[in-house]
Amino acid sequence: MSTPIMVDVDRARALAGAVPDPEVPVLTIDDLGILRDVTVSDGGTVEVVITPTYSGCPAMDAIRDDVLSALRSNGFPDVKVRRVLSPAWTTDWMSEAGRRKLVDYGIAPPTGRRPAGPVPLTLAVRCPRCGSTDTRELSRFGSTACKALWQCRSCAEPFDHFKAI
């Protein structure tokens, strides 16, 4: 592979990776780990591979459009975005920077990898506002399907918790 194409791959990956998630706009698709691969063919076609956080994620169409726009407006006219479902996305793919951004945004990040088998019961989630673990789940479903709604008993603030998948 020649150097110019490698530079184009790095630039294309940086542009695609900087696309914000439409549901949690403080995170990029790179922070979330849904940006899986970026390649540039010898002919200059850019292929971006993304994996949704879950198979029915409604944000994927917006993400695809935003990736196409970001690359095309920065000198990559021939772009393809491909969705892959396997391997399935996991919260393990989220970056540490992304997890910190969630806390700063008021969303409790996922903690650890969900083990195989029955869905575990989470007894407490650390409040992203005051740090207390005296919290309770109000609803398994929050503002998006990826999040649950929790409330802190110490500061009384509700907050989203990004579910571990």
C-alpha atoms as a PDB file:
ATOM      1  CA  MET A   1       0.000   0.000   0.000  1.00  0.00           C
ATOM      2  CA  SER A   2       1.418   3.387  -0.947  1.00  0.00           C
ATOM      3  CA  THR A   3       1.847   6.268   1.474  1.00  0.00           C
ATOM      4  CA  PRO A   4      -0.777   8.608  -0.092  1.00  0.00           C
ATOM      5  CA  ILE A   5      -3.527   6.016   0.385  1.00  0.00           C
ATOM      6  CA  MET A   6      -2.394   5.416   3.983  1.00  0.00           C
ATOM      7  CA  VAL A   7      -2.614   9.156   4.661  1.00  0.00           C
ATOM      8  CA  ASP A   8      -6.088   9.168   3.104  1.00  0.00           C
ATOM      9  CA  VAL A   9      -7.136   6.236   5.330  1.00  0.00           C
ATOM     10  CA  ASP A  10      -5.933   8.052   8.456  1.00  0.00           C
ATOM     11  CA  ARG A  11      -7.685  11.266   7.424  1.00  0.00           C
ATOM     12  CA  ALA A  12     -10.895   9.435   6.410  1.00  0.00           C
ATOM     13  CA  ARG A  13     -10.911   7.523   9.707  1.00  0.00           C
ATOM     14  CA  ALA A  14     -10.439  10.734  11.703  1.00  0.00           C
ATOM     15  CA  LEU A  15     -13.286  12.442   9.835  1.00  0.00           C
ATOM     16  CA  ALA A  16     -15.657   9.480  10.165  1.00  0.00           C
ATOM     17  CA  GLY A  17     -14.690   8.886  13.789  1.00  0.00           C
ATOM     18  CA  ALA A  18     -15.493  12.498  14.705  1.00  0.00           C
ATOM     19  CA  VAL A  19     -19.158  12.138  13.674  1.00  0.00           C
ATOM     20  CA  PRO A  20     -21.295  12.677  16.786  1.00  0.00           C
ATOM     21  CA  ASP A  21     -23.832  10.128  17.943  1.00  0.00           C
ATOM     22  CA  PRO A  22     -27.296  11.647  17.307  1.00  0.00           C
ATOM     23  CA  GLU A  23     -28.726  10.227  20.548  1.00  0.00           C
ATOM     24  CA  VAL A  24     -25.819  11.209  22.816  1.00  0.00           C
ATOM     25  CA  PRO A  25     -24.185  14.087  20.911  1.00  0.00           C
ATOM     26  CA  VAL A  26     -21.271  14.467  23.340  1.00  0.00           C
ATOM     27  CA  LEU A  27     -20.008  11.081  22.085  1.00  0.00           C
ATOM     28  CA  THR A  28     -18.527  10.412  18.673  1.00  0.00           C
ATOM     29  CA  ILE A  29     -19.024   7.153  16.831  1.00  0.00           C
ATOM     30  CA  ASP A  30     -15.371   6.440  17.604  1.00  0.00           C
ATOM     31  CA  ASP A  31     -15.995   7.021  21.352  1.00  0.00           C
ATOM     32  CA  LEU A  32     -18.884   4.550  21.177  1.00  0.00           C
ATOM     33  CA  GLY A  33     -16.831   1.953  19.331  1.00  0.00           C
ATOM     34  CA  ILE A  34     -19.376   1.598  16.532  1.00  0.00           C
ATOM     35  CA  LEU A  35     -16.808   2.728  13.942  1.00  0.00           C
ATOM     36  CA  ARG A  36     -15.259  -0.631  13.103  1.00  0.00           C
ATOM     37  CA  ASP A  37     -13.090   0.005  10.029  1.00  0.00           C
ATOM     38  CA  VAL A  38     -12.208   2.517   7.325  1.00  0.00           C
ATOM     39  CA  THR A  39     -10.495   1.526   4.081  1.00  0.00           C
ATOM     40  CA  VAL A  40      -9.597   3.390   0.914  1.00  0.00           C
ATOM     41  CA  SER A  41      -9.331   1.403  -2.319  1.00  0.00           C
ATOM     42  CA  ASP A  42      -6.671   2.056  -4.945  1.00  0.00           C
ATOM     43  CA  GLY A  43      -9.407   3.823  -6.922  1.00  0.00           C
ATOM     44  CA  GLY A  44     -10.118   6.174  -4.007  1.00  0.00           C
ATOM     45  CA  THR A  45     -13.403   4.661  -2.777  1.00  0.00           C
ATOM     46  CA  VAL A  46     -13.739   5.016   0.979  1.00  0.00           C
ATOM     47  CA  GLU A  47     -15.578   2.235   2.791  1.00  0.00           C
ATOM     48  CA  VAL A  48     -16.651   2.864   6.365  1.00  0.00           C
ATOM     49  CA  VAL A  49     -17.826  -0.093   8.441  1.00  0.00           C
ATOM     50  CA  ILE A  50     -20.111   0.565  11.404  1.00  0.00           C
ATOM     51  CA  THR A  51     -21.799  -1.725  13.913  1.00  0.00           C
ATOM     52  CA  PRO A  52     -25.014  -0.557  15.616  1.00  0.00           C
ATOM     53  CA  THR A  53     -25.283  -0.668  19.381  1.00  0.00           C
ATOM     54  CA  TYR A  54     -28.215  -3.001  18.806  1.00  0.00           C
ATOM     55  CA  SER A  55     -29.735  -4.398  15.622  1.00  0.00           C
ATOM     56  CA  GLY A  56     -32.751  -2.068  15.557  1.00  0.00           C
ATOM     57  CA  CYS A  57     -30.921   1.133  16.475  1.00  0.00           C
ATOM     58  CA  PRO A  58     -32.844   3.990  14.806  1.00  0.00           C
ATOM     59  CA  ALA A  59     -29.794   6.271  14.848  1.00  0.00           C
ATOM     60  CA  MET A  60     -27.912   4.239  12.228  1.00  0.00           C
ATOM     61  CA  ASP A  61     -29.519   5.993   9.247  1.00  0.00           C
ATOM     62  CA  ALA A  62     -28.579   9.395  10.668  1.00  0.00           C
ATOM     63  CA  ILE A  63     -25.062   8.179  11.444  1.00  0.00           C
ATOM     64  CA  ARG A  64     -24.658   6.832   7.903  1.00  0.00           C
ATOM     65  CA  ASP A  65     -25.834  10.145   6.430  1.00  0.00           C
ATOM     66  CA  ASP A  66     -23.536  12.132   8.729  1.00  0.00           C
ATOM     67  CA  VAL A  67     -20.521   9.951   7.837  1.00  0.00           C
ATOM     68  CA  LEU A  68     -21.259  10.364   4.121  1.00  0.00           C
ATOM     69  CA  SER A  69     -21.588  14.121   4.543  1.00  0.00           C
ATOM     70  CA  ALA A  70     -18.429  14.475   6.651  1.00  0.00           C
ATOM     71  CA  LEU A  71     -16.303  12.584   4.162  1.00  0.00           C
ATOM     72  CA  ARG A  72     -17.804  14.014   0.965  1.00  0.00           C
ATOM     73  CA  SER A  73     -17.519  17.600   2.217  1.00  0.00           C
ATOM     74  CA  ASN A  74     -13.848  16.986   2.998  1.00  0.00           C
ATOM     75  CA  GLY A  75     -12.710  15.729  -0.381  1.00  0.00           C
ATOM     76  CA  PHE A  76     -13.821  12.089  -0.463  1.00  0.00           C
ATOM     77  CA  PRO A  77     -16.479  11.987  -3.208  1.00  0.00           C
ATOM     78  CA  ASP A  78     -16.850   8.183  -3.417  1.00  0.00           C
ATOM     79  CA  VAL A  79     -17.946   6.866  -0.008  1.00  0.00           C
ATOM     80  CA  LYS A  80     -19.774   3.714   1.035  1.00  0.00           C
ATOM     81  CA  VAL A  81     -21.019   2.957   4.525  1.00  0.00           C
ATOM     82  CA  ARG A  82     -21.561  -0.676   5.403  1.00  0.00           C
ATOM     83  CA  ARG A  83     -23.326  -1.953   8.526  1.00  0.00           C
ATOM     84  CA  VAL A  84     -22.154  -5.173  10.099  1.00  0.00           C
ATOM     85  CA  LEU A  85     -23.984  -6.997  12.874  1.00  0.00           C
ATOM     86  CA  SER A  86     -21.334  -9.596  13.648  1.00  0.00           C
ATOM     87  CA  PRO A  87     -19.572  -9.484  15.933  1.00  0.00           C
ATOM     88  CA  ALA A  88     -22.313  -7.780  17.896  1.00  0.00           C
ATOM     89  CA  TRP A  89     -21.441  -4.438  19.476  1.00  0.00           C
ATOM     90  CA  THR A  90     -20.566  -4.457  23.137  1.00  0.00           C
ATOM     91  CA  THR A  91     -20.054  -1.665  25.645  1.00  0.00           C
ATOM     92  CA  ASP A  92     -16.504  -3.016  25.969  1.00  0.00           C
ATOM     93  CA  TRP A  93     -15.818  -1.218  22.667  1.00  0.00           C
ATOM     94  CA  MET A  94     -16.500   2.192  24.222  1.00  0.00           C
ATOM     95  CA  SER A  95     -13.369   4.259  24.766  1.00  0.00           C
ATOM     96  CA  GLU A  96     -12.294   5.470  28.193  1.00  0.00           C
ATOM     97  CA  ALA A  97     -12.617   9.025  26.853  1.00  0.00           C
ATOM     98  CA  GLY A  98     -16.203   8.216  25.861  1.00  0.00           C
ATOM     99  CA  ARG A  99     -16.984   6.864  29.333  1.00  0.00           C
ATOM    100  CA  ARG A 100     -15.614  10.073  30.900  1.00  0.00           C
ATOM    101  CA  LYS A 101     -17.678  12.167  28.470  1.00  0.00           C
ATOM    102  CA  LEU A 102     -20.818  10.299  29.578  1.00  0.00           C
ATOM    103  CA  VAL A 103     -20.169  11.136  33.231  1.00  0.00           C
ATOM    104  CA  ASP A 104     -19.499  14.792  32.357  1.00  0.00           C
ATOM    105  CA  TYR A 105     -22.777  14.814  30.397  1.00  0.00           C
ATOM    106  CA  GLY A 106     -24.707  13.380  33.361  1.00  0.00           C
ATOM    107  CA  ILE A 107     -25.055   9.775  32.141  1.00  0.00           C
ATOM    108  CA  ALA A 108     -23.660   6.920  34.206  1.00  0.00           C
ATOM    109  CA  PRO A 109     -21.402   4.855  31.927  1.00  0.00           C
ATOM    110  CA  PRO A 110     -21.660   1.075  31.700  1.00  0.00           C
ATOM    111  CA  THR A 111     -19.533  -0.773  34.211  1.00  0.00           C
ATOM    112  CA  GLY A 112     -17.816  -3.973  33.180  1.00  0.00           C
ATOM    113  CA  ARG A 113     -18.845  -6.520  30.616  1.00  0.00           C
ATOM    114  CA  ARG A 114     -22.201  -8.211  30.935  1.00  0.00           C
ATOM    115  CA  PRO A 115     -21.586 -11.916  31.534  1.00  0.00           C
ATOM    116  CA  ALA A 116     -23.238 -14.511  29.321  1.00  0.00           C
ATOM    117  CA  GLY A 117     -26.431 -16.102  30.590  1.00  0.00           C
ATOM    118  CA  PRO A 118     -29.292 -14.521  32.506  1.00  0.00           C
ATOM    119  CA  VAL A 119     -29.401 -10.749  32.697  1.00  0.00           C
ATOM    120  CA  PRO A 120     -27.720  -9.763  35.967  1.00  0.00           C
ATOM    121  CA  LEU A 121     -29.451  -7.595  38.521  1.00  0.00           C
ATOM    122  CA  THR A 122     -27.657  -4.298  39.070  1.00  0.00           C
ATOM    123  CA  LEU A 123     -28.093  -3.213  42.668  1.00  0.00           C
ATOM    124  CA  ALA A 124     -26.492   0.216  42.417  1.00  0.00           C
ATOM    125  CA  VAL A 125     -25.108   2.599  39.844  1.00  0.00           C
ATOM    126  CA  ARG A 126     -22.841   5.492  40.808  1.00  0.00           C
ATOM    127  CA  CYS A 127     -24.575   8.852  40.358  1.00  0.00           C
ATOM    128  CA  PRO A 128     -22.740  10.880  37.689  1.00  0.00           C
ATOM    129  CA  ARG A 129     -23.612  14.113  39.500  1.00  0.00           C
ATOM    130  CA  CYS A 130     -22.647  13.519  43.156  1.00  0.00           C
ATOM    131  CA  GLY A 131     -20.901  10.116  43.033  1.00  0.00           C
ATOM    132  CA  SER A 132     -23.227   8.379  45.477  1.00  0.00           C
ATOM    133  CA  THR A 133     -24.065   4.694  45.041  1.00  0.00           C
ATOM    134  CA  ASP A 134     -27.326   5.190  46.950  1.00  0.00           C
ATOM    135  CA  THR A 135     -29.315   5.016  43.708  1.00  0.00           C
ATOM    136  CA  ARG A 136     -32.304   3.138  42.376  1.00  0.00           C
ATOM    137  CA  GLU A 137     -33.586   2.140  38.962  1.00  0.00           C
ATOM    138  CA  LEU A 138     -36.815   3.922  38.041  1.00  0.00           C
ATOM    139  CA  SER A 139     -37.263   2.311  34.634  1.00  0.00           C
ATOM    140  CA  ARG A 140     -35.288  -0.291  32.666  1.00  0.00           C
ATOM    141  CA  PHE A 141     -35.867   1.929  29.643  1.00  0.00           C
ATOM    142  CA  GLY A 142     -34.587   5.511  29.554  1.00  0.00           C
ATOM    143  CA  SER A 143     -34.487   8.212  26.922  1.00  0.00           C
ATOM    144  CA  THR A 144     -33.198   5.653  24.395  1.00  0.00           C
ATOM    145  CA  ALA A 145     -33.239   1.847  24.337  1.00  0.00           C
ATOM    146  CA  CYS A 146     -29.515   1.827  25.243  1.00  0.00           C
ATOM    147  CA  LYS A 147     -30.155   3.541  28.560  1.00  0.00           C
ATOM    148  CA  ALA A 148     -32.108   2.950  31.789  1.00  0.00           C
ATOM    149  CA  LEU A 149     -33.550   5.688  34.007  1.00  0.00           C
ATOM    150  CA  TRP A 150     -32.115   5.892  37.531  1.00  0.00           C
ATOM    151  CA  GLN A 151     -32.453   8.290  40.459  1.00  0.00           C
ATOM    152  CA  CYS A 152     -29.954   9.216  43.143  1.00  0.00           C
ATOM    153  CA  ARG A 153     -31.324   9.066  46.674  1.00  0.00           C
ATOM    154  CA  SER A 154     -28.567  11.400  47.929  1.00  0.00           C
ATOM    155  CA  CYS A 155     -28.998  14.356  45.558  1.00  0.00           C
ATOM    156  CA  ALA A 156     -32.488  13.314  44.312  1.00  0.00           C
ATOM    157  CA  GLU A 157     -31.476  13.848  40.668  1.00  0.00           C
ATOM    158  CA  PRO A 158     -32.660  11.475  37.950  1.00  0.00           C
ATOM    159  CA  PHE A 159     -30.050  10.299  35.457  1.00  0.00           C
ATOM    160  CA  ASP A 160     -29.618   7.950  32.529  1.00  0.00           C
ATOM    161  CA  HIS A 161     -27.435   4.860  32.896  1.00  0.00           C
ATOM    162  CA  PHE A 162     -25.898   3.493  29.705  1.00  0.00           C
ATOM    163  CA  LYS A 163     -26.665  -0.254  29.883  1.00  0.00           C
ATOM    164  CA  ALA A 164     -23.823  -2.780  29.669  1.00  0.00           C
ATOM    165  CA  ILE A 165     -24.278  -4.945  26.600  1.00  0.00           C
END
